[in-house]
Amino acid sequence: MREGIAALLLAFGAVITFLAAYGVLRLPDSLTRMQATSKATTLGVGCVLLSVAVAFDDVGVRTKAALVVLFLFVTQPIAAHLMARASYRSGSPLWEGTVVDELGEEQGRDDE
């Protein structure tokens, strides 16, 4: 039973991580790519580590997997935010379909 649950979690994590990689290839600008990588890979890697915790019957492995997932969930959104902000401030062009640029209005940025 445990092996089946671990296999399902591993497969789900792999599919989510693949979709994140596909999003990096298909999305139009750096900010939307950043959203795809930060959200989907956090869920994908979290599921893979959860499958490791389910598969192994060792308290040490489960503790390490839980700590890595916790660290990932705390640091990934902050890192993605800082990288997206740096990309925006360096003048990375926005997608032409962007409707609202509130940060650009505050800073006087005019990409049009």
PDB file of N, CA and C in Angstrom:
ATOM      1  N   MET A   1       0.819  -1.200   0.000  1.00  0.00           N
ATOM      2  CA  MET A   1       0.000   0.000   0.000  1.00  0.00           C
ATOM      3  C   MET A   1       0.866   1.268   0.000  1.00  0.00           C
ATOM      4  N   ARG A   2       1.910   1.234   0.864  1.00  0.00           N
ATOM      5  CA  ARG A   2       2.793   2.388   0.949  1.00  0.00           C
ATOM      6  C   ARG A   2       3.533   2.638  -0.351  1.00  0.00           C
ATOM      7  N   GLU A   3       3.947   1.545  -1.000  1.00  0.00           N
ATOM      8  CA  GLU A   3       4.672   1.694  -2.264  1.00  0.00           C
ATOM      9  C   GLU A   3       3.788   2.319  -3.343  1.00  0.00           C
ATOM     10  N   GLY A   4       2.512   1.952  -3.344  1.00  0.00           N
ATOM     11  CA  GLY A   4       1.574   2.523  -4.312  1.00  0.00           C
ATOM     12  C   GLY A   4       1.366   4.016  -4.105  1.00  0.00           C
ATOM     13  N   ILE A   5       1.210   4.412  -2.838  1.00  0.00           N
ATOM     14  CA  ILE A   5       1.037   5.835  -2.533  1.00  0.00           C
ATOM     15  C   ILE A   5       2.299   6.605  -2.898  1.00  0.00           C
ATOM     16  N   ALA A   6       3.460   6.027  -2.580  1.00  0.00           N
ATOM     17  CA  ALA A   6       4.725   6.683  -2.915  1.00  0.00           C
ATOM     18  C   ALA A   6       4.888   6.814  -4.429  1.00  0.00           C
ATOM     19  N   ALA A   7       4.492   5.790  -5.160  1.00  0.00           N
ATOM     20  CA  ALA A   7       4.591   5.850  -6.621  1.00  0.00           C
ATOM     21  C   ALA A   7       3.659   6.908  -7.203  1.00  0.00           C
ATOM     22  N   LEU A   8       2.442   7.000  -6.658  1.00  0.00           N
ATOM     23  CA  LEU A   8       1.519   8.038  -7.129  1.00  0.00           C
ATOM     24  C   LEU A   8       2.031   9.440  -6.834  1.00  0.00           C
ATOM     25  N   LEU A   9       2.557   9.653  -5.635  1.00  0.00           N
ATOM     26  CA  LEU A   9       3.114  10.955  -5.298  1.00  0.00           C
ATOM     27  C   LEU A   9       4.318  11.295  -6.172  1.00  0.00           C
ATOM     28  N   LEU A  10       5.153  10.304  -6.433  1.00  0.00           N
ATOM     29  CA  LEU A  10       6.316  10.520  -7.283  1.00  0.00           C
ATOM     30  C   LEU A  10       5.895  10.861  -8.708  1.00  0.00           C
ATOM     31  N   ALA A  11       4.927  10.148  -9.231  1.00  0.00           N
ATOM     32  CA  ALA A  11       4.447  10.423 -10.591  1.00  0.00           C
ATOM     33  C   ALA A  11       3.798  11.798 -10.665  1.00  0.00           C
ATOM     34  N   PHE A  12       2.997  12.157  -9.673  1.00  0.00           N
ATOM     35  CA  PHE A  12       2.359  13.471  -9.653  1.00  0.00           C
ATOM     36  C   PHE A  12       3.402  14.582  -9.580  1.00  0.00           C
ATOM     37  N   GLY A  13       4.408  14.395  -8.740  1.00  0.00           N
ATOM     38  CA  GLY A  13       5.479  15.389  -8.634  1.00  0.00           C
ATOM     39  C   GLY A  13       6.258  15.526  -9.929  1.00  0.00           C
ATOM     40  N   ALA A  14       6.500  14.412 -10.604  1.00  0.00           N
ATOM     41  CA  ALA A  14       7.219  14.465 -11.875  1.00  0.00           C
ATOM     42  C   ALA A  14       6.395  15.174 -12.949  1.00  0.00           C
ATOM     43  N   VAL A  15       5.100  14.912 -12.995  1.00  0.00           N
ATOM     44  CA  VAL A  15       4.231  15.568 -13.983  1.00  0.00           C
ATOM     45  C   VAL A  15       4.169  17.068 -13.721  1.00  0.00           C
ATOM     46  N   ILE A  16       4.026  17.468 -12.477  1.00  0.00           N
ATOM     47  CA  ILE A  16       3.965  18.888 -12.138  1.00  0.00           C
ATOM     48  C   ILE A  16       5.284  19.573 -12.486  1.00  0.00           C
ATOM     49  N   THR A  17       6.406  18.926 -12.212  1.00  0.00           N
ATOM     50  CA  THR A  17       7.708  19.500 -12.544  1.00  0.00           C
ATOM     51  C   THR A  17       7.888  19.599 -14.052  1.00  0.00           C
ATOM     52  N   PHE A  18       7.415  18.607 -14.780  1.00  0.00           N
ATOM     53  CA  PHE A  18       7.461  18.677 -16.248  1.00  0.00           C
ATOM     54  C   PHE A  18       6.618  19.837 -16.767  1.00  0.00           C
ATOM     55  N   LEU A  19       5.440  20.031 -16.200  1.00  0.00           N
ATOM     56  CA  LEU A  19       4.592  21.151 -16.619  1.00  0.00           C
ATOM     57  C   LEU A  19       5.251  22.497 -16.326  1.00  0.00           C
ATOM     58  N   ALA A  20       6.000  22.583 -15.238  1.00  0.00           N
ATOM     59  CA  ALA A  20       6.739  23.813 -14.938  1.00  0.00           C
ATOM     60  C   ALA A  20       7.808  24.060 -15.995  1.00  0.00           C
ATOM     61  N   ALA A  21       8.510  23.012 -16.394  1.00  0.00           N
ATOM     62  CA  ALA A  21       9.528  23.160 -17.436  1.00  0.00           C
ATOM     63  C   ALA A  21       8.887  23.552 -18.763  1.00  0.00           C
ATOM     64  N   TYR A  22       7.748  22.976 -19.067  1.00  0.00           N
ATOM     65  CA  TYR A  22       7.027  23.331 -20.291  1.00  0.00           C
ATOM     66  C   TYR A  22       6.568  24.790 -20.235  1.00  0.00           C
ATOM     67  N   GLY A  23       6.139  25.240 -19.068  1.00  0.00           N
ATOM     68  CA  GLY A  23       5.733  26.626 -18.898  1.00  0.00           C
ATOM     69  C   GLY A  23       6.876  27.591 -19.134  1.00  0.00           C
ATOM     70  N   VAL A  24       8.078  27.223 -18.727  1.00  0.00           N
ATOM     71  CA  VAL A  24       9.237  28.079 -18.971  1.00  0.00           C
ATOM     72  C   VAL A  24       9.476  28.231 -20.470  1.00  0.00           C
ATOM     73  N   LEU A  25       9.234  27.186 -21.221  1.00  0.00           N
ATOM     74  CA  LEU A  25       9.429  27.260 -22.669  1.00  0.00           C
ATOM     75  C   LEU A  25       8.324  28.039 -23.368  1.00  0.00           C
ATOM     76  N   ARG A  26       7.110  27.949 -22.892  1.00  0.00           N
ATOM     77  CA  ARG A  26       5.968  28.496 -23.613  1.00  0.00           C
ATOM     78  C   ARG A  26       5.491  29.872 -23.154  1.00  0.00           C
ATOM     79  N   LEU A  27       5.748  30.263 -21.931  1.00  0.00           N
ATOM     80  CA  LEU A  27       5.225  31.530 -21.436  1.00  0.00           C
ATOM     81  C   LEU A  27       6.012  32.706 -22.010  1.00  0.00           C
ATOM     82  N   PRO A  28       5.347  33.863 -22.177  1.00  0.00           N
ATOM     83  CA  PRO A  28       5.915  34.928 -22.992  1.00  0.00           C
ATOM     84  C   PRO A  28       6.984  35.802 -22.344  1.00  0.00           C
ATOM     85  N   ASP A  29       6.935  36.064 -21.049  1.00  0.00           N
ATOM     86  CA  ASP A  29       7.933  36.964 -20.466  1.00  0.00           C
ATOM     87  C   ASP A  29       8.483  36.398 -19.167  1.00  0.00           C
ATOM     88  N   SER A  30       9.500  37.070 -18.644  1.00  0.00           N
ATOM     89  CA  SER A  30      10.209  36.535 -17.480  1.00  0.00           C
ATOM     90  C   SER A  30       9.333  36.472 -16.238  1.00  0.00           C
ATOM     91  N   LEU A  31       8.411  37.392 -16.091  1.00  0.00           N
ATOM     92  CA  LEU A  31       7.579  37.386 -14.885  1.00  0.00           C
ATOM     93  C   LEU A  31       6.611  36.208 -14.861  1.00  0.00           C
ATOM     94  N   THR A  32       6.008  35.877 -15.989  1.00  0.00           N
ATOM     95  CA  THR A  32       5.111  34.727 -16.016  1.00  0.00           C
ATOM     96  C   THR A  32       5.892  33.418 -15.939  1.00  0.00           C
ATOM     97  N   ARG A  33       7.091  33.401 -16.505  1.00  0.00           N
ATOM     98  CA  ARG A  33       7.941  32.206 -16.361  1.00  0.00           C
ATOM     99  C   ARG A  33       8.324  31.987 -14.915  1.00  0.00           C
ATOM    100  N   MET A  34       8.603  33.080 -14.224  1.00  0.00           N
ATOM    101  CA  MET A  34       8.958  32.986 -12.813  1.00  0.00           C
ATOM    102  C   MET A  34       7.803  32.408 -12.007  1.00  0.00           C
ATOM    103  N   GLN A  35       6.586  32.782 -12.344  1.00  0.00           N
ATOM    104  CA  GLN A  35       5.415  32.265 -11.641  1.00  0.00           C
ATOM    105  C   GLN A  35       5.281  30.758 -11.871  1.00  0.00           C
ATOM    106  N   ALA A  36       5.518  30.332 -13.104  1.00  0.00           N
ATOM    107  CA  ALA A  36       5.409  28.900 -13.407  1.00  0.00           C
ATOM    108  C   ALA A  36       6.452  28.100 -12.651  1.00  0.00           C
ATOM    109  N   THR A  37       7.672  28.584 -12.626  1.00  0.00           N
ATOM    110  CA  THR A  37       8.723  27.826 -11.961  1.00  0.00           C
ATOM    111  C   THR A  37       8.547  27.809 -10.445  1.00  0.00           C
ATOM    112  N   SER A  38       8.165  28.921  -9.870  1.00  0.00           N
ATOM    113  CA  SER A  38       8.076  28.958  -8.405  1.00  0.00           C
ATOM    114  C   SER A  38       6.900  28.154  -7.872  1.00  0.00           C
ATOM    115  N   LYS A  39       5.752  28.282  -8.501  1.00  0.00           N
ATOM    116  CA  LYS A  39       4.581  27.584  -7.986  1.00  0.00           C
ATOM    117  C   LYS A  39       4.628  26.084  -8.273  1.00  0.00           C
ATOM    118  N   ALA A  40       4.878  25.742  -9.507  1.00  0.00           N
ATOM    119  CA  ALA A  40       4.798  24.335  -9.897  1.00  0.00           C
ATOM    120  C   ALA A  40       5.958  23.511  -9.361  1.00  0.00           C
ATOM    121  N   THR A  41       7.139  24.070  -9.348  1.00  0.00           N
ATOM    122  CA  THR A  41       8.249  23.260  -8.844  1.00  0.00           C
ATOM    123  C   THR A  41       8.175  23.088  -7.336  1.00  0.00           C
ATOM    124  N   THR A  42       7.624  24.067  -6.628  1.00  0.00           N
ATOM    125  CA  THR A  42       7.444  23.878  -5.195  1.00  0.00           C
ATOM    126  C   THR A  42       6.519  22.701  -4.933  1.00  0.00           C
ATOM    127  N   LEU A  43       5.415  22.635  -5.652  1.00  0.00           N
ATOM    128  CA  LEU A  43       4.489  21.513  -5.496  1.00  0.00           C
ATOM    129  C   LEU A  43       5.108  20.216  -6.000  1.00  0.00           C
ATOM    130  N   GLY A  44       5.807  20.273  -7.126  1.00  0.00           N
ATOM    131  CA  GLY A  44       6.402  19.065  -7.696  1.00  0.00           C
ATOM    132  C   GLY A  44       7.475  18.464  -6.803  1.00  0.00           C
ATOM    133  N   VAL A  45       8.416  19.299  -6.369  1.00  0.00           N
ATOM    134  CA  VAL A  45       9.487  18.801  -5.501  1.00  0.00           C
ATOM    135  C   VAL A  45       8.924  18.400  -4.143  1.00  0.00           C
ATOM    136  N   GLY A  46       7.930  19.128  -3.664  1.00  0.00           N
ATOM    137  CA  GLY A  46       7.288  18.747  -2.405  1.00  0.00           C
ATOM    138  C   GLY A  46       6.654  17.367  -2.480  1.00  0.00           C
ATOM    139  N   CYS A  47       5.997  17.057  -3.601  1.00  0.00           N
ATOM    140  CA  CYS A  47       5.396  15.726  -3.771  1.00  0.00           C
ATOM    141  C   CYS A  47       6.453  14.637  -3.882  1.00  0.00           C
ATOM    142  N   VAL A  48       7.537  14.922  -4.566  1.00  0.00           N
ATOM    143  CA  VAL A  48       8.613  13.935  -4.681  1.00  0.00           C
ATOM    144  C   VAL A  48       9.207  13.641  -3.306  1.00  0.00           C
ATOM    145  N   LEU A  49       9.457  14.674  -2.527  1.00  0.00           N
ATOM    146  CA  LEU A  49      10.003  14.456  -1.182  1.00  0.00           C
ATOM    147  C   LEU A  49       8.992  13.793  -0.262  1.00  0.00           C
ATOM    148  N   LEU A  50       7.731  14.099  -0.440  1.00  0.00           N
ATOM    149  CA  LEU A  50       6.697  13.420   0.338  1.00  0.00           C
ATOM    150  C   LEU A  50       6.643  11.936  -0.017  1.00  0.00           C
ATOM    151  N   SER A  51       6.852  11.615  -1.290  1.00  0.00           N
ATOM    152  CA  SER A  51       6.882  10.202  -1.684  1.00  0.00           C
ATOM    153  C   SER A  51       8.085   9.488  -1.063  1.00  0.00           C
ATOM    154  N   VAL A  52       9.202  10.189  -0.939  1.00  0.00           N
ATOM    155  CA  VAL A  52      10.372   9.606  -0.265  1.00  0.00           C
ATOM    156  C   VAL A  52      10.044   9.334   1.200  1.00  0.00           C
ATOM    157  N   ALA A  53       9.373  10.289   1.844  1.00  0.00           N
ATOM    158  CA  ALA A  53       9.010  10.109   3.248  1.00  0.00           C
ATOM    159  C   ALA A  53       8.043   8.948   3.444  1.00  0.00           C
ATOM    160  N   VAL A  54       7.147   8.755   2.483  1.00  0.00           N
ATOM    161  CA  VAL A  54       6.195   7.644   2.590  1.00  0.00           C
ATOM    162  C   VAL A  54       6.882   6.312   2.300  1.00  0.00           C
ATOM    163  N   ALA A  55       7.794   6.298   1.337  1.00  0.00           N
ATOM    164  CA  ALA A  55       8.413   5.043   0.903  1.00  0.00           C
ATOM    165  C   ALA A  55       9.363   4.455   1.945  1.00  0.00           C
ATOM    166  N   PHE A  56      10.104   5.309   2.649  1.00  0.00           N
ATOM    167  CA  PHE A  56      11.090   4.816   3.607  1.00  0.00           C
ATOM    168  C   PHE A  56      10.509   4.808   5.004  1.00  0.00           C
ATOM    169  N   ASP A  57      10.754   3.705   5.705  1.00  0.00           N
ATOM    170  CA  ASP A  57      10.232   3.552   7.064  1.00  0.00           C
ATOM    171  C   ASP A  57      11.337   3.882   8.065  1.00  0.00           C
ATOM    172  N   ASP A  58      11.823   5.120   7.969  1.00  0.00           N
ATOM    173  CA  ASP A  58      12.895   5.568   8.844  1.00  0.00           C
ATOM    174  C   ASP A  58      12.564   6.981   9.324  1.00  0.00           C
ATOM    175  N   VAL A  59      12.640   7.188  10.610  1.00  0.00           N
ATOM    176  CA  VAL A  59      12.303   8.490  11.182  1.00  0.00           C
ATOM    177  C   VAL A  59      13.262   9.566  10.686  1.00  0.00           C
ATOM    178  N   GLY A  60      14.532   9.216  10.526  1.00  0.00           N
ATOM    179  CA  GLY A  60      15.521  10.179  10.058  1.00  0.00           C
ATOM    180  C   GLY A  60      15.227  10.668   8.650  1.00  0.00           C
ATOM    181  N   VAL A  61      14.865   9.737   7.775  1.00  0.00           N
ATOM    182  CA  VAL A  61      14.547  10.110   6.395  1.00  0.00           C
ATOM    183  C   VAL A  61      13.293  10.978   6.362  1.00  0.00           C
ATOM    184  N   ARG A  62      12.298  10.610   7.135  1.00  0.00           N
ATOM    185  CA  ARG A  62      11.059  11.398   7.169  1.00  0.00           C
ATOM    186  C   ARG A  62      11.294  12.792   7.732  1.00  0.00           C
ATOM    187  N   THR A  63      12.118  12.892   8.754  1.00  0.00           N
ATOM    188  CA  THR A  63      12.424  14.197   9.340  1.00  0.00           C
ATOM    189  C   THR A  63      13.163  15.075   8.352  1.00  0.00           C
ATOM    190  N   LYS A  64      14.153  14.503   7.679  1.00  0.00           N
ATOM    191  CA  LYS A  64      14.918  15.275   6.696  1.00  0.00           C
ATOM    192  C   LYS A  64      14.030  15.720   5.532  1.00  0.00           C
ATOM    193  N   ALA A  65      13.177  14.834   5.065  1.00  0.00           N
ATOM    194  CA  ALA A  65      12.278  15.195   3.968  1.00  0.00           C
ATOM    195  C   ALA A  65      11.319  16.304   4.394  1.00  0.00           C
ATOM    196  N   ALA A  66      10.797  16.221   5.599  1.00  0.00           N
ATOM    197  CA  ALA A  66       9.888  17.256   6.097  1.00  0.00           C
ATOM    198  C   ALA A  66      10.606  18.592   6.248  1.00  0.00           C
ATOM    199  N   LEU A  67      11.841  18.563   6.727  1.00  0.00           N
ATOM    200  CA  LEU A  67      12.604  19.803   6.874  1.00  0.00           C
ATOM    201  C   LEU A  67      12.939  20.428   5.526  1.00  0.00           C
ATOM    202  N   VAL A  68      13.265  19.597   4.546  1.00  0.00           N
ATOM    203  CA  VAL A  68      13.561  20.125   3.211  1.00  0.00           C
ATOM    204  C   VAL A  68      12.305  20.731   2.590  1.00  0.00           C
ATOM    205  N   VAL A  69      11.164  20.067   2.744  1.00  0.00           N
ATOM    206  CA  VAL A  69       9.908  20.616   2.217  1.00  0.00           C
ATOM    207  C   VAL A  69       9.576  21.934   2.916  1.00  0.00           C
ATOM    208  N   LEU A  70       9.739  22.004   4.212  1.00  0.00           N
ATOM    209  CA  LEU A  70       9.499  23.239   4.947  1.00  0.00           C
ATOM    210  C   LEU A  70      10.432  24.349   4.471  1.00  0.00           C
ATOM    211  N   PHE A  71      11.712  24.041   4.321  1.00  0.00           N
ATOM    212  CA  PHE A  71      12.682  25.023   3.836  1.00  0.00           C
ATOM    213  C   PHE A  71      12.322  25.485   2.430  1.00  0.00           C
ATOM    214  N   LEU A  72      11.919  24.565   1.588  1.00  0.00           N
ATOM    215  CA  LEU A  72      11.538  24.905   0.221  1.00  0.00           C
ATOM    216  C   LEU A  72      10.312  25.811   0.197  1.00  0.00           C
ATOM    217  N   PHE A  73       9.308  25.511   1.011  1.00  0.00           N
ATOM    218  CA  PHE A  73       8.094  26.318   1.038  1.00  0.00           C
ATOM    219  C   PHE A  73       8.340  27.708   1.617  1.00  0.00           C
ATOM    220  N   VAL A  74       9.338  27.857   2.470  1.00  0.00           N
ATOM    221  CA  VAL A  74       9.646  29.167   3.042  1.00  0.00           C
ATOM    222  C   VAL A  74      10.510  29.994   2.091  1.00  0.00           C
ATOM    223  N   THR A  75      11.506  29.386   1.474  1.00  0.00           N
ATOM    224  CA  THR A  75      12.472  30.158   0.692  1.00  0.00           C
ATOM    225  C   THR A  75      12.075  30.367  -0.761  1.00  0.00           C
ATOM    226  N   GLN A  76      11.367  29.456  -1.385  1.00  0.00           N
ATOM    227  CA  GLN A  76      11.051  29.559  -2.813  1.00  0.00           C
ATOM    228  C   GLN A  76      10.223  30.792  -3.158  1.00  0.00           C
ATOM    229  N   PRO A  77       9.162  31.136  -2.436  1.00  0.00           N
ATOM    230  CA  PRO A  77       8.420  32.349  -2.785  1.00  0.00           C
ATOM    231  C   PRO A  77       9.244  33.624  -2.636  1.00  0.00           C
ATOM    232  N   ILE A  78      10.092  33.680  -1.625  1.00  0.00           N
ATOM    233  CA  ILE A  78      10.932  34.862  -1.425  1.00  0.00           C
ATOM    234  C   ILE A  78      11.948  34.979  -2.547  1.00  0.00           C
ATOM    235  N   ALA A  79      12.587  33.880  -2.907  1.00  0.00           N
ATOM    236  CA  ALA A  79      13.572  33.900  -3.988  1.00  0.00           C
ATOM    237  C   ALA A  79      12.925  34.266  -5.324  1.00  0.00           C
ATOM    238  N   ALA A  80      11.751  33.728  -5.597  1.00  0.00           N
ATOM    239  CA  ALA A  80      11.058  34.054  -6.849  1.00  0.00           C
ATOM    240  C   ALA A  80      10.661  35.522  -6.883  1.00  0.00           C
ATOM    241  N   HIS A  81      10.206  36.048  -5.763  1.00  0.00           N
ATOM    242  CA  HIS A  81       9.837  37.455  -5.704  1.00  0.00           C
ATOM    243  C   HIS A  81      11.049  38.351  -5.970  1.00  0.00           C
ATOM    244  N   LEU A  82      12.168  38.035  -5.358  1.00  0.00           N
ATOM    245  CA  LEU A  82      13.357  38.865  -5.545  1.00  0.00           C
ATOM    246  C   LEU A  82      13.896  38.765  -6.967  1.00  0.00           C
ATOM    247  N   MET A  83      13.856  37.587  -7.564  1.00  0.00           N
ATOM    248  CA  MET A  83      14.325  37.449  -8.943  1.00  0.00           C
ATOM    249  C   MET A  83      13.393  38.157  -9.913  1.00  0.00           C
ATOM    250  N   ALA A  84      12.090  38.093  -9.688  1.00  0.00           N
ATOM    251  CA  ALA A  84      11.144  38.791 -10.554  1.00  0.00           C
ATOM    252  C   ALA A  84      11.298  40.301 -10.415  1.00  0.00           C
ATOM    253  N   ARG A  85      11.520  40.755  -9.211  1.00  0.00           N
ATOM    254  CA  ARG A  85      11.719  42.201  -8.997  1.00  0.00           C
ATOM    255  C   ARG A  85      12.998  42.679  -9.673  1.00  0.00           C
ATOM    256  N   ALA A  86      14.058  41.898  -9.573  1.00  0.00           N
ATOM    257  CA  ALA A  86      15.305  42.264 -10.238  1.00  0.00           C
ATOM    258  C   ALA A  86      15.140  42.257 -11.748  1.00  0.00           C
ATOM    259  N   SER A  87      14.405  41.298 -12.261  1.00  0.00           N
ATOM    260  CA  SER A  87      14.142  41.248 -13.698  1.00  0.00           C
ATOM    261  C   SER A  87      13.357  42.466 -14.151  1.00  0.00           C
ATOM    262  N   TYR A  88      12.362  42.847 -13.381  1.00  0.00           N
ATOM    263  CA  TYR A  88      11.542  44.011 -13.728  1.00  0.00           C
ATOM    264  C   TYR A  88      12.361  45.290 -13.677  1.00  0.00           C
ATOM    265  N   ARG A  89      13.138  45.449 -12.616  1.00  0.00           N
ATOM    266  CA  ARG A  89      13.931  46.675 -12.449  1.00  0.00           C
ATOM    267  C   ARG A  89      15.062  46.788 -13.468  1.00  0.00           C
ATOM    268  N   SER A  90      15.525  45.661 -13.989  1.00  0.00           N
ATOM    269  CA  SER A  90      16.599  45.729 -14.989  1.00  0.00           C
ATOM    270  C   SER A  90      16.058  46.078 -16.371  1.00  0.00           C
ATOM    271  N   GLY A  91      14.750  46.220 -16.487  1.00  0.00           N
ATOM    272  CA  GLY A  91      14.154  46.648 -17.749  1.00  0.00           C
ATOM    273  C   GLY A  91      13.717  45.521 -18.653  1.00  0.00           C
ATOM    274  N   SER A  92      13.519  44.356 -18.110  1.00  0.00           N
ATOM    275  CA  SER A  92      13.036  43.233 -18.909  1.00  0.00           C
ATOM    276  C   SER A  92      11.678  43.583 -19.515  1.00  0.00           C
ATOM    277  N   PRO A  93      11.507  43.371 -20.819  1.00  0.00           N
ATOM    278  CA  PRO A  93      10.238  43.770 -21.437  1.00  0.00           C
ATOM    279  C   PRO A  93       9.077  42.896 -20.963  1.00  0.00           C
ATOM    280  N   LEU A  94       7.931  43.548 -20.789  1.00  0.00           N
ATOM    281  CA  LEU A  94       6.720  42.834 -20.405  1.00  0.00           C
ATOM    282  C   LEU A  94       6.041  42.292 -21.653  1.00  0.00           C
ATOM    283  N   TRP A  95       5.195  41.310 -21.463  1.00  0.00           N
ATOM    284  CA  TRP A  95       4.412  40.735 -22.548  1.00  0.00           C
ATOM    285  C   TRP A  95       3.477  41.812 -23.091  1.00  0.00           C
ATOM    286  N   GLU A  96       3.271  41.838 -24.407  1.00  0.00           N
ATOM    287  CA  GLU A  96       2.425  42.873 -25.006  1.00  0.00           C
ATOM    288  C   GLU A  96       0.969  42.762 -24.562  1.00  0.00           C
ATOM    289  N   GLY A  97       0.572  41.640 -24.032  1.00  0.00           N
ATOM    290  CA  GLY A  97      -0.790  41.460 -23.536  1.00  0.00           C
ATOM    291  C   GLY A  97      -0.965  41.895 -22.088  1.00  0.00           C
ATOM    292  N   THR A  98       0.072  42.438 -21.475  1.00  0.00           N
ATOM    293  CA  THR A  98      -0.022  42.898 -20.100  1.00  0.00           C
ATOM    294  C   THR A  98      -0.998  44.067 -20.017  1.00  0.00           C
ATOM    295  N   VAL A  99      -1.977  43.950 -19.143  1.00  0.00           N
ATOM    296  CA  VAL A  99      -3.031  44.954 -19.044  1.00  0.00           C
ATOM    297  C   VAL A  99      -2.686  46.031 -18.031  1.00  0.00           C
ATOM    298  N   VAL A 100      -2.232  45.642 -16.852  1.00  0.00           N
ATOM    299  CA  VAL A 100      -1.964  46.594 -15.780  1.00  0.00           C
ATOM    300  C   VAL A 100      -0.524  46.422 -15.319  1.00  0.00           C
ATOM    301  N   ASP A 101       0.168  47.528 -15.177  1.00  0.00           N
ATOM    302  CA  ASP A 101       1.531  47.538 -14.659  1.00  0.00           C
ATOM    303  C   ASP A 101       1.581  48.531 -13.504  1.00  0.00           C
ATOM    304  N   GLU A 102       1.110  48.113 -12.344  1.00  0.00           N
ATOM    305  CA  GLU A 102       1.013  49.015 -11.201  1.00  0.00           C
ATOM    306  C   GLU A 102       2.379  49.466 -10.718  1.00  0.00           C
ATOM    307  N   LEU A 103       3.352  48.603 -10.727  1.00  0.00           N
ATOM    308  CA  LEU A 103       4.686  48.990 -10.279  1.00  0.00           C
ATOM    309  C   LEU A 103       5.307  49.996 -11.244  1.00  0.00           C
ATOM    310  N   GLY A 104       5.045  49.841 -12.519  1.00  0.00           N
ATOM    311  CA  GLY A 104       5.551  50.794 -13.504  1.00  0.00           C
ATOM    312  C   GLY A 104       4.915  52.159 -13.355  1.00  0.00           C
ATOM    313  N   GLU A 105       3.642  52.184 -12.971  1.00  0.00           N
ATOM    314  CA  GLU A 105       2.969  53.460 -12.741  1.00  0.00           C
ATOM    315  C   GLU A 105       3.564  54.180 -11.543  1.00  0.00           C
ATOM    316  N   GLU A 106       3.969  53.414 -10.524  1.00  0.00           N
ATOM    317  CA  GLU A 106       4.576  54.014  -9.347  1.00  0.00           C
ATOM    318  C   GLU A 106       5.967  54.556  -9.645  1.00  0.00           C
ATOM    319  N   GLN A 107       6.731  53.846 -10.472  1.00  0.00           N
ATOM    320  CA  GLN A 107       8.116  54.210 -10.729  1.00  0.00           C
ATOM    321  C   GLN A 107       8.285  55.032 -11.992  1.00  0.00           C
ATOM    322  N   GLY A 108       7.228  55.330 -12.694  1.00  0.00           N
ATOM    323  CA  GLY A 108       7.317  56.133 -13.895  1.00  0.00           C
ATOM    324  C   GLY A 108       7.862  55.377 -15.085  1.00  0.00           C
ATOM    325  N   ARG A 109       7.763  54.075 -15.092  1.00  0.00           N
ATOM    326  CA  ARG A 109       8.242  53.259 -16.198  1.00  0.00           C
ATOM    327  C   ARG A 109       7.236  53.325 -17.333  1.00  0.00           C
ATOM    328  N   ASP A 110       7.723  53.481 -18.556  1.00  0.00           N
ATOM    329  CA  ASP A 110       6.834  53.578 -19.707  1.00  0.00           C
ATOM    330  C   ASP A 110       7.370  52.663 -20.789  1.00  0.00           C
ATOM    331  N   ASP A 111       6.842  51.428 -20.880  1.00  0.00           N
ATOM    332  CA  ASP A 111       7.305  50.446 -21.864  1.00  0.00           C
ATOM    333  C   ASP A 111       6.607  50.582 -23.207  1.00  0.00           C
ATOM    334  N   GLU A 112       5.680  51.460 -23.341  1.00  0.00           N
ATOM    335  CA  GLU A 112       4.888  51.522 -24.565  1.00  0.00           C
ATOM    336  C   GLU A 112       5.597  52.196 -25.678  1.00  0.00           C
TER     337      GLU A 112
END
